[in-house]
All heavy atoms as atom14 arrays in JSON, in Angstrom:
{
  "sequence": "NGIAAAVWAVAVGWAGYLFGQAFQLLLGEVEDMQIKVLGALAAA",
  "atom14_mask": [
    [1, 1, 1, 1, 1, 1, 1, 1, 0, 0, 0, 0, 0, 0],
    [1, 1, 1, 1, 0, 0, 0, 0, 0, 0, 0, 0, 0, 0],
    [1, 1, 1, 1, 1, 1, 1, 1, 0, 0, 0, 0, 0, 0],
    [1, 1, 1, 1, 1, 0, 0, 0, 0, 0, 0, 0, 0, 0],
    [1, 1, 1, 1, 1, 0, 0, 0, 0, 0, 0, 0, 0, 0],
    [1, 1, 1, 1, 1, 0, 0, 0, 0, 0, 0, 0, 0, 0],
    [1, 1, 1, 1, 1, 1, 1, 0, 0, 0, 0, 0, 0, 0],
    [1, 1, 1, 1, 1, 1, 1, 1, 1, 1, 1, 1, 1, 1],
    [1, 1, 1, 1, 1, 0, 0, 0, 0, 0, 0, 0, 0, 0],
    [1, 1, 1, 1, 1, 1, 1, 0, 0, 0, 0, 0, 0, 0],
    [1, 1, 1, 1, 1, 0, 0, 0, 0, 0, 0, 0, 0, 0],
    [1, 1, 1, 1, 1, 1, 1, 0, 0, 0, 0, 0, 0, 0],
    [1, 1, 1, 1, 0, 0, 0, 0, 0, 0, 0, 0, 0, 0],
    [1, 1, 1, 1, 1, 1, 1, 1, 1, 1, 1, 1, 1, 1],
    [1, 1, 1, 1, 1, 0, 0, 0, 0, 0, 0, 0, 0, 0],
    [1, 1, 1, 1, 0, 0, 0, 0, 0, 0, 0, 0, 0, 0],
    [1, 1, 1, 1, 1, 1, 1, 1, 1, 1, 1, 1, 0, 0],
    [1, 1, 1, 1, 1, 1, 1, 1, 0, 0, 0, 0, 0, 0],
    [1, 1, 1, 1, 1, 1, 1, 1, 1, 1, 1, 0, 0, 0],
    [1, 1, 1, 1, 0, 0, 0, 0, 0, 0, 0, 0, 0, 0],
    [1, 1, 1, 1, 1, 1, 1, 1, 1, 0, 0, 0, 0, 0],
    [1, 1, 1, 1, 1, 0, 0, 0, 0, 0, 0, 0, 0, 0],
    [1, 1, 1, 1, 1, 1, 1, 1, 1, 1, 1, 0, 0, 0],
    [1, 1, 1, 1, 1, 1, 1, 1, 1, 0, 0, 0, 0, 0],
    [1, 1, 1, 1, 1, 1, 1, 1, 0, 0, 0, 0, 0, 0],
    [1, 1, 1, 1, 1, 1, 1, 1, 0, 0, 0, 0, 0, 0],
    [1, 1, 1, 1, 1, 1, 1, 1, 0, 0, 0, 0, 0, 0],
    [1, 1, 1, 1, 0, 0, 0, 0, 0, 0, 0, 0, 0, 0],
    [1, 1, 1, 1, 1, 1, 1, 1, 1, 0, 0, 0, 0, 0],
    [1, 1, 1, 1, 1, 1, 1, 0, 0, 0, 0, 0, 0, 0],
    [1, 1, 1, 1, 1, 1, 1, 1, 1, 0, 0, 0, 0, 0],
    [1, 1, 1, 1, 1, 1, 1, 1, 0, 0, 0, 0, 0, 0],
    [1, 1, 1, 1, 1, 1, 1, 1, 0, 0, 0, 0, 0, 0],
    [1, 1, 1, 1, 1, 1, 1, 1, 1, 0, 0, 0, 0, 0],
    [1, 1, 1, 1, 1, 1, 1, 1, 0, 0, 0, 0, 0, 0],
    [1, 1, 1, 1, 1, 1, 1, 1, 1, 0, 0, 0, 0, 0],
    [1, 1, 1, 1, 1, 1, 1, 0, 0, 0, 0, 0, 0, 0],
    [1, 1, 1, 1, 1, 1, 1, 1, 0, 0, 0, 0, 0, 0],
    [1, 1, 1, 1, 0, 0, 0, 0, 0, 0, 0, 0, 0, 0],
    [1, 1, 1, 1, 1, 0, 0, 0, 0, 0, 0, 0, 0, 0],
    [1, 1, 1, 1, 1, 1, 1, 1, 0, 0, 0, 0, 0, 0],
    [1, 1, 1, 1, 1, 0, 0, 0, 0, 0, 0, 0, 0, 0],
    [1, 1, 1, 1, 1, 0, 0, 0, 0, 0, 0, 0, 0, 0],
    [1, 1, 1, 1, 1, 0, 0, 0, 0, 0, 0, 0, 0, 0]
  ],
  "atom14_positions": [
    [[-66.35, -8.72, -38.71], [-66.2, -9.66, -39.82], [-65.41, -10.88, -39.37], [-65.71, -12.01, -39.78], [-65.52, -8.97, -41.0], [-65.46, -9.86, -42.21], [-66.43, -10.52, -42.57], [-64.31, -9.89, -42.86], [0.0, 0.0, 0.0], [0.0, 0.0, 0.0], [0.0, 0.0, 0.0], [0.0, 0.0, 0.0], [0.0, 0.0, 0.0], [0.0, 0.0, 0.0]],
    [[-64.41, -10.7, -38.52], [-63.65, -11.83, -38.0], [-64.52, -12.75, -37.15], [-64.44, -13.98, -37.27], [0.0, 0.0, 0.0], [0.0, 0.0, 0.0], [0.0, 0.0, 0.0], [0.0, 0.0, 0.0], [0.0, 0.0, 0.0], [0.0, 0.0, 0.0], [0.0, 0.0, 0.0], [0.0, 0.0, 0.0], [0.0, 0.0, 0.0], [0.0, 0.0, 0.0]],
    [[-65.34, -12.16, -36.31], [-66.25, -12.97, -35.47], [-67.21, -13.75, -36.36], [-67.42, -14.96, -36.19], [-67.01, -12.06, -34.48], [-66.04, -11.49, -33.45], [-68.16, -12.83, -33.81], [-66.63, -10.36, -32.61], [0.0, 0.0, 0.0], [0.0, 0.0, 0.0], [0.0, 0.0, 0.0], [0.0, 0.0, 0.0], [0.0, 0.0, 0.0], [0.0, 0.0, 0.0]],
    [[-67.8, -13.06, -37.33], [-68.77, -13.7, -38.22], [-68.12, -14.79, -39.07], [-68.71, -15.86, -39.26], [-69.43, -12.65, -39.11], [0.0, 0.0, 0.0], [0.0, 0.0, 0.0], [0.0, 0.0, 0.0], [0.0, 0.0, 0.0], [0.0, 0.0, 0.0], [0.0, 0.0, 0.0], [0.0, 0.0, 0.0], [0.0, 0.0, 0.0], [0.0, 0.0, 0.0]],
    [[-66.91, -14.54, -39.56], [-66.22, -15.55, -40.37], [-65.92, -16.8, -39.54], [-66.03, -17.93, -40.04], [-64.93, -14.97, -40.94], [0.0, 0.0, 0.0], [0.0, 0.0, 0.0], [0.0, 0.0, 0.0], [0.0, 0.0, 0.0], [0.0, 0.0, 0.0], [0.0, 0.0, 0.0], [0.0, 0.0, 0.0], [0.0, 0.0, 0.0], [0.0, 0.0, 0.0]],
    [[-65.56, -16.62, -38.28], [-65.28, -17.76, -37.41], [-66.55, -18.58, -37.15], [-66.54, -19.81, -37.27], [-64.67, -17.29, -36.09], [0.0, 0.0, 0.0], [0.0, 0.0, 0.0], [0.0, 0.0, 0.0], [0.0, 0.0, 0.0], [0.0, 0.0, 0.0], [0.0, 0.0, 0.0], [0.0, 0.0, 0.0], [0.0, 0.0, 0.0], [0.0, 0.0, 0.0]],
    [[-67.64, -17.9, -36.82], [-68.9, -18.61, -36.57], [-69.36, -19.34, -37.82], [-69.75, -20.51, -37.78], [-69.99, -17.62, -36.08], [-71.36, -18.27, -36.06], [-69.63, -17.06, -34.71], [0.0, 0.0, 0.0], [0.0, 0.0, 0.0], [0.0, 0.0, 0.0], [0.0, 0.0, 0.0], [0.0, 0.0, 0.0], [0.0, 0.0, 0.0], [0.0, 0.0, 0.0]],
    [[-69.28, -18.68, -38.97], [-69.69, -19.28, -40.24], [-68.84, -20.5, -40.58], [-69.37, -21.55, -40.96], [-69.58, -18.22, -41.35], [-69.89, -18.72, -42.71], [-71.13, -18.87, -43.26], [-68.96, -19.1, -43.72], [-71.02, -19.34, -44.55], [-69.69, -19.48, -44.85], [-67.57, -19.16, -43.76], [-69.08, -19.92, -46.01], [-66.97, -19.59, -44.93], [-67.71, -19.97, -46.04]],
    [[-67.53, -20.39, -40.43], [-66.64, -21.51, -40.77], [-66.93, -22.72, -39.88], [-66.97, -23.86, -40.38], [-65.18, -21.08, -40.65], [0.0, 0.0, 0.0], [0.0, 0.0, 0.0], [0.0, 0.0, 0.0], [0.0, 0.0, 0.0], [0.0, 0.0, 0.0], [0.0, 0.0, 0.0], [0.0, 0.0, 0.0], [0.0, 0.0, 0.0], [0.0, 0.0, 0.0]],
    [[-67.13, -22.49, -38.61], [-67.42, -23.59, -37.69], [-68.78, -24.22, -38.03], [-68.91, -25.44, -38.15], [-67.37, -23.13, -36.21], [-67.92, -24.19, -35.28], [-65.94, -22.76, -35.83], [0.0, 0.0, 0.0], [0.0, 0.0, 0.0], [0.0, 0.0, 0.0], [0.0, 0.0, 0.0], [0.0, 0.0, 0.0], [0.0, 0.0, 0.0], [0.0, 0.0, 0.0]],
    [[-69.8, -23.38, -38.19], [-71.16, -23.89, -38.43], [-71.27, -24.66, -39.74], [-71.78, -25.78, -39.77], [-72.16, -22.73, -38.41], [0.0, 0.0, 0.0], [0.0, 0.0, 0.0], [0.0, 0.0, 0.0], [0.0, 0.0, 0.0], [0.0, 0.0, 0.0], [0.0, 0.0, 0.0], [0.0, 0.0, 0.0], [0.0, 0.0, 0.0], [0.0, 0.0, 0.0]],
    [[-70.78, -24.08, -40.82], [-70.92, -24.73, -42.13], [-69.95, -25.9, -42.26], [-70.28, -26.93, -42.86], [-70.76, -23.7, -43.27], [-70.86, -24.37, -44.62], [-71.82, -22.61, -43.14], [0.0, 0.0, 0.0], [0.0, 0.0, 0.0], [0.0, 0.0, 0.0], [0.0, 0.0, 0.0], [0.0, 0.0, 0.0], [0.0, 0.0, 0.0], [0.0, 0.0, 0.0]],
    [[-68.76, -25.78, -41.68], [-67.82, -26.9, -41.69], [-68.38, -28.11, -40.96], [-68.31, -29.24, -41.45], [0.0, 0.0, 0.0], [0.0, 0.0, 0.0], [0.0, 0.0, 0.0], [0.0, 0.0, 0.0], [0.0, 0.0, 0.0], [0.0, 0.0, 0.0], [0.0, 0.0, 0.0], [0.0, 0.0, 0.0], [0.0, 0.0, 0.0], [0.0, 0.0, 0.0]],
    [[-68.96, -27.87, -39.79], [-69.58, -28.96, -39.04], [-70.79, -29.51, -39.79], [-71.05, -30.72, -39.74], [-69.99, -28.51, -37.64], [-68.91, -28.75, -36.64], [-68.05, -27.85, -36.11], [-68.56, -30.01, -36.06], [-67.19, -28.47, -35.24], [-67.47, -29.8, -35.19], [-69.05, -31.31, -36.2], [-66.88, -30.82, -34.46], [-68.46, -32.33, -35.47], [-67.39, -32.08, -34.62]],
    [[-71.53, -28.66, -40.48], [-72.68, -29.15, -41.27], [-72.2, -30.13, -42.33], [-72.82, -31.18, -42.54], [-73.42, -27.98, -41.91], [0.0, 0.0, 0.0], [0.0, 0.0, 0.0], [0.0, 0.0, 0.0], [0.0, 0.0, 0.0], [0.0, 0.0, 0.0], [0.0, 0.0, 0.0], [0.0, 0.0, 0.0], [0.0, 0.0, 0.0], [0.0, 0.0, 0.0]],
    [[-71.1, -29.81, -43.01], [-70.55, -30.73, -43.99], [-70.08, -32.03, -43.35], [-70.28, -33.12, -43.91], [0.0, 0.0, 0.0], [0.0, 0.0, 0.0], [0.0, 0.0, 0.0], [0.0, 0.0, 0.0], [0.0, 0.0, 0.0], [0.0, 0.0, 0.0], [0.0, 0.0, 0.0], [0.0, 0.0, 0.0], [0.0, 0.0, 0.0], [0.0, 0.0, 0.0]],
    [[-69.47, -31.91, -42.19], [-69.01, -33.09, -41.47], [-70.2, -33.98, -41.08], [-70.17, -35.19, -41.27], [-68.23, -32.66, -40.22], [-67.55, -33.8, -39.51], [-66.28, -34.21, -39.89], [-68.17, -34.45, -38.45], [-65.63, -35.25, -39.24], [-67.53, -35.49, -37.79], [-66.27, -35.89, -38.18], [-65.64, -36.92, -37.55], [0.0, 0.0, 0.0], [0.0, 0.0, 0.0]],
    [[-71.25, -33.36, -40.56], [-72.45, -34.11, -40.17], [-73.16, -34.69, -41.38], [-73.74, -35.78, -41.32], [-73.39, -33.23, -39.34], [-72.83, -32.81, -37.99], [-73.77, -31.82, -37.3], [-72.56, -34.01, -37.09], [0.0, 0.0, 0.0], [0.0, 0.0, 0.0], [0.0, 0.0, 0.0], [0.0, 0.0, 0.0], [0.0, 0.0, 0.0], [0.0, 0.0, 0.0]],
    [[-73.11, -33.97, -42.51], [-73.66, -34.51, -43.76], [-72.93, -35.8, -44.13], [-73.54, -36.78, -44.52], [-73.53, -33.48, -44.89], [-73.85, -34.04, -46.25], [-75.16, -34.27, -46.61], [-72.85, -34.32, -47.15], [-75.46, -34.8, -47.86], [-73.13, -34.83, -48.4], [-74.45, -35.07, -48.76], [0.0, 0.0, 0.0], [0.0, 0.0, 0.0], [0.0, 0.0, 0.0]],
    [[-71.62, -35.8, -43.97], [-70.83, -37.0, -44.24], [-71.23, -38.13, -43.32], [-71.32, -39.29, -43.73], [0.0, 0.0, 0.0], [0.0, 0.0, 0.0], [0.0, 0.0, 0.0], [0.0, 0.0, 0.0], [0.0, 0.0, 0.0], [0.0, 0.0, 0.0], [0.0, 0.0, 0.0], [0.0, 0.0, 0.0], [0.0, 0.0, 0.0], [0.0, 0.0, 0.0]],
    [[-71.47, -37.81, -42.05], [-71.88, -38.82, -41.09], [-73.25, -39.38, -41.45], [-73.46, -40.6, -41.42], [-71.89, -38.21, -39.69], [-72.08, -39.19, -38.58], [-71.91, -38.53, -37.22], [-72.13, -37.33, -37.08], [-71.56, -39.31, -36.23], [0.0, 0.0, 0.0], [0.0, 0.0, 0.0], [0.0, 0.0, 0.0], [0.0, 0.0, 0.0], [0.0, 0.0, 0.0]],
    [[-74.19, -38.5, -41.79], [-75.53, -38.96, -42.17], [-75.47, -39.79, -43.44], [-76.15, -40.82, -43.55], [-76.45, -37.75, -42.37], [0.0, 0.0, 0.0], [0.0, 0.0, 0.0], [0.0, 0.0, 0.0], [0.0, 0.0, 0.0], [0.0, 0.0, 0.0], [0.0, 0.0, 0.0], [0.0, 0.0, 0.0], [0.0, 0.0, 0.0], [0.0, 0.0, 0.0]],
    [[-74.65, -39.37, -44.38], [-74.49, -40.12, -45.63], [-73.95, -41.52, -45.34], [-74.41, -42.5, -45.91], [-73.55, -39.34, -46.57], [-73.39, -39.98, -47.91], [-74.4, -39.87, -48.86], [-72.24, -40.67, -48.24], [-74.27, -40.46, -50.1], [-72.1, -41.27, -49.47], [-73.11, -41.15, -50.41], [0.0, 0.0, 0.0], [0.0, 0.0, 0.0], [0.0, 0.0, 0.0]],
    [[-72.99, -41.6, -44.45], [-72.4, -42.9, -44.1], [-73.45, -43.79, -43.42], [-73.52, -44.98, -43.7], [-71.2, -42.71, -43.2], [-70.43, -43.98, -42.95], [-69.15, -43.71, -42.18], [-69.02, -42.71, -41.51], [-68.21, -44.62, -42.31], [0.0, 0.0, 0.0], [0.0, 0.0, 0.0], [0.0, 0.0, 0.0], [0.0, 0.0, 0.0], [0.0, 0.0, 0.0]],
    [[-74.25, -43.23, -42.55], [-75.29, -44.02, -41.89], [-76.32, -44.52, -42.9], [-76.83, -45.62, -42.8], [-75.99, -43.19, -40.81], [-75.19, -42.91, -39.55], [-75.94, -41.94, -38.64], [-74.88, -44.2, -38.8], [0.0, 0.0, 0.0], [0.0, 0.0, 0.0], [0.0, 0.0, 0.0], [0.0, 0.0, 0.0], [0.0, 0.0, 0.0], [0.0, 0.0, 0.0]],
    [[-76.61, -43.66, -43.87], [-77.6, -44.01, -44.89], [-77.11, -45.16, -45.77], [-77.85, -46.08, -46.06], [-77.89, -42.77, -45.75], [-79.28, -42.66, -46.3], [-80.2, -42.21, -45.18], [-79.3, -41.65, -47.41], [0.0, 0.0, 0.0], [0.0, 0.0, 0.0], [0.0, 0.0, 0.0], [0.0, 0.0, 0.0], [0.0, 0.0, 0.0], [0.0, 0.0, 0.0]],
    [[-75.88, -45.09, -46.19], [-75.36, -46.07, -47.13], [-74.52, -47.16, -46.48], [-74.12, -48.1, -47.16], [-74.53, -45.38, -48.21], [-75.28, -44.48, -49.16], [-74.34, -43.88, -50.17], [-76.39, -45.23, -49.87], [0.0, 0.0, 0.0], [0.0, 0.0, 0.0], [0.0, 0.0, 0.0], [0.0, 0.0, 0.0], [0.0, 0.0, 0.0], [0.0, 0.0, 0.0]],
    [[-74.21, -47.02, -45.22], [-73.37, -48.0, -44.57], [-71.92, -47.77, -44.91], [-71.5, -46.67, -45.26], [0.0, 0.0, 0.0], [0.0, 0.0, 0.0], [0.0, 0.0, 0.0], [0.0, 0.0, 0.0], [0.0, 0.0, 0.0], [0.0, 0.0, 0.0], [0.0, 0.0, 0.0], [0.0, 0.0, 0.0], [0.0, 0.0, 0.0], [0.0, 0.0, 0.0]],
    [[-71.14, -48.78, -44.83], [-69.69, -48.7, -45.04], [-69.31, -48.96, -46.5], [-68.48, -49.81, -46.78], [-68.98, -49.7, -44.12], [-69.18, -49.42, -42.65], [-68.5, -48.13, -42.22], [-67.46, -47.75, -42.79], [-69.02, -47.48, -41.3], [0.0, 0.0, 0.0], [0.0, 0.0, 0.0], [0.0, 0.0, 0.0], [0.0, 0.0, 0.0], [0.0, 0.0, 0.0]],
    [[-69.89, -48.26, -47.41], [-69.61, -48.45, -48.83], [-68.51, -47.46, -49.24], [-68.77, -46.38, -49.75], [-70.89, -48.24, -49.68], [-70.64, -48.57, -51.14], [-72.02, -49.08, -49.13], [0.0, 0.0, 0.0], [0.0, 0.0, 0.0], [0.0, 0.0, 0.0], [0.0, 0.0, 0.0], [0.0, 0.0, 0.0], [0.0, 0.0, 0.0], [0.0, 0.0, 0.0]],
    [[-67.26, -47.84, -48.99], [-66.12, -46.94, -49.2], [-66.02, -46.47, -50.64], [-65.8, -45.3, -50.91], [-64.83, -47.65, -48.79], [-63.6, -46.77, -48.85], [-63.62, -45.66, -47.82], [-64.24, -45.8, -46.77], [-63.0, -44.61, -48.08], [0.0, 0.0, 0.0], [0.0, 0.0, 0.0], [0.0, 0.0, 0.0], [0.0, 0.0, 0.0], [0.0, 0.0, 0.0]],
    [[-66.18, -47.38, -51.6], [-66.06, -47.01, -53.01], [-67.11, -45.97, -53.4], [-66.83, -45.01, -54.1], [-66.18, -48.25, -53.89], [-65.87, -47.95, -55.34], [-64.86, -47.24, -55.6], [-66.64, -48.41, -56.21], [0.0, 0.0, 0.0], [0.0, 0.0, 0.0], [0.0, 0.0, 0.0], [0.0, 0.0, 0.0], [0.0, 0.0, 0.0], [0.0, 0.0, 0.0]],
    [[-68.33, -46.14, -52.9], [-69.41, -45.21, -53.21], [-69.11, -43.83, -52.61], [-69.36, -42.81, -53.24], [-70.73, -45.74, -52.65], [-71.9, -44.8, -52.86], [-72.27, -44.54, -54.59], [-73.49, -45.81, -54.82], [0.0, 0.0, 0.0], [0.0, 0.0, 0.0], [0.0, 0.0, 0.0], [0.0, 0.0, 0.0], [0.0, 0.0, 0.0], [0.0, 0.0, 0.0]],
    [[-68.54, -43.78, -51.41], [-68.22, -42.52, -50.78], [-67.2, -41.74, -51.6], [-67.32, -40.53, -51.78], [-67.69, -42.75, -49.37], [-68.75, -43.28, -48.43], [-68.18, -43.66, -47.09], [-66.98, -43.63, -46.88], [-69.05, -44.04, -46.17], [0.0, 0.0, 0.0], [0.0, 0.0, 0.0], [0.0, 0.0, 0.0], [0.0, 0.0, 0.0], [0.0, 0.0, 0.0]],
    [[-66.19, -42.45, -52.09], [-65.17, -41.79, -52.91], [-65.79, -41.26, -54.19], [-65.48, -40.14, -54.64], [-64.0, -42.75, -53.21], [-63.24, -43.09, -51.94], [-63.06, -42.19, -54.25], [-62.55, -41.91, -51.28], [0.0, 0.0, 0.0], [0.0, 0.0, 0.0], [0.0, 0.0, 0.0], [0.0, 0.0, 0.0], [0.0, 0.0, 0.0], [0.0, 0.0, 0.0]],
    [[-66.7, -42.01, -54.78], [-67.36, -41.55, -56.0], [-68.22, -40.31, -55.73], [-68.23, -39.38, -56.53], [-68.2, -42.67, -56.61], [-67.37, -43.77, -57.23], [-68.23, -44.88, -57.77], [-67.34, -45.98, -58.33], [-68.1, -47.15, -58.73], [0.0, 0.0, 0.0], [0.0, 0.0, 0.0], [0.0, 0.0, 0.0], [0.0, 0.0, 0.0], [0.0, 0.0, 0.0]],
    [[-68.93, -40.32, -54.63], [-69.75, -39.16, -54.28], [-68.86, -37.95, -54.02], [-69.14, -36.83, -54.47], [-70.66, -39.46, -53.07], [-71.29, -38.18, -52.53], [-71.73, -40.45, -53.46], [0.0, 0.0, 0.0], [0.0, 0.0, 0.0], [0.0, 0.0, 0.0], [0.0, 0.0, 0.0], [0.0, 0.0, 0.0], [0.0, 0.0, 0.0], [0.0, 0.0, 0.0]],
    [[-67.75, -38.16, -53.31], [-66.8, -37.09, -53.06], [-66.26, -36.54, -54.37], [-66.17, -35.33, -54.56], [-65.67, -37.62, -52.18], [-64.88, -36.65, -51.34], [-65.79, -35.79, -50.49], [-63.9, -37.39, -50.47], [0.0, 0.0, 0.0], [0.0, 0.0, 0.0], [0.0, 0.0, 0.0], [0.0, 0.0, 0.0], [0.0, 0.0, 0.0], [0.0, 0.0, 0.0]],
    [[-65.95, -37.43, -55.29], [-65.47, -37.01, -56.61], [-66.54, -36.26, -57.38], [-66.26, -35.26, -58.03], [0.0, 0.0, 0.0], [0.0, 0.0, 0.0], [0.0, 0.0, 0.0], [0.0, 0.0, 0.0], [0.0, 0.0, 0.0], [0.0, 0.0, 0.0], [0.0, 0.0, 0.0], [0.0, 0.0, 0.0], [0.0, 0.0, 0.0], [0.0, 0.0, 0.0]],
    [[-67.78, -36.73, -57.3], [-68.88, -36.04, -57.98], [-69.1, -34.65, -57.39], [-69.34, -33.69, -58.13], [-70.16, -36.87, -57.88], [0.0, 0.0, 0.0], [0.0, 0.0, 0.0], [0.0, 0.0, 0.0], [0.0, 0.0, 0.0], [0.0, 0.0, 0.0], [0.0, 0.0, 0.0], [0.0, 0.0, 0.0], [0.0, 0.0, 0.0], [0.0, 0.0, 0.0]],
    [[-69.01, -34.53, -56.06], [-69.13, -33.21, -55.43], [-68.02, -32.27, -55.89], [-68.26, -31.1, -56.2], [-69.11, -33.33, -53.91], [-70.38, -33.8, -53.23], [-70.13, -34.06, -51.75], [-71.48, -32.78, -53.4], [0.0, 0.0, 0.0], [0.0, 0.0, 0.0], [0.0, 0.0, 0.0], [0.0, 0.0, 0.0], [0.0, 0.0, 0.0], [0.0, 0.0, 0.0]],
    [[-66.8, -32.8, -55.94], [-65.67, -31.98, -56.38], [-65.87, -31.55, -57.83], [-65.63, -30.39, -58.18], [-64.36, -32.76, -56.23], [0.0, 0.0, 0.0], [0.0, 0.0, 0.0], [0.0, 0.0, 0.0], [0.0, 0.0, 0.0], [0.0, 0.0, 0.0], [0.0, 0.0, 0.0], [0.0, 0.0, 0.0], [0.0, 0.0, 0.0], [0.0, 0.0, 0.0]],
    [[-66.32, -32.46, -58.68], [-66.56, -32.13, -60.08], [-67.68, -31.1, -60.22], [-67.59, -30.17, -61.03], [-66.89, -33.39, -60.87], [0.0, 0.0, 0.0], [0.0, 0.0, 0.0], [0.0, 0.0, 0.0], [0.0, 0.0, 0.0], [0.0, 0.0, 0.0], [0.0, 0.0, 0.0], [0.0, 0.0, 0.0], [0.0, 0.0, 0.0], [0.0, 0.0, 0.0]],
    [[-68.73, -31.24, -59.4], [-69.84, -30.28, -59.45], [-69.39, -28.89, -59.02], [-69.76, -27.88, -59.64], [-70.98, -30.77, -58.56], [0.0, 0.0, 0.0], [0.0, 0.0, 0.0], [0.0, 0.0, 0.0], [0.0, 0.0, 0.0], [0.0, 0.0, 0.0], [0.0, 0.0, 0.0], [0.0, 0.0, 0.0], [0.0, 0.0, 0.0], [0.0, 0.0, 0.0]]
  ]
}
């Protein structure tokens, strides 16, 4: 379970990080929009 939890945390954590990178490339440097999306994700 420890091995699996470590692999899962790294894989899904990096997926979220890469999602953020892809989102930034898609929308450019729209800082206000990023904060709103982050807020919407937190609210969801």
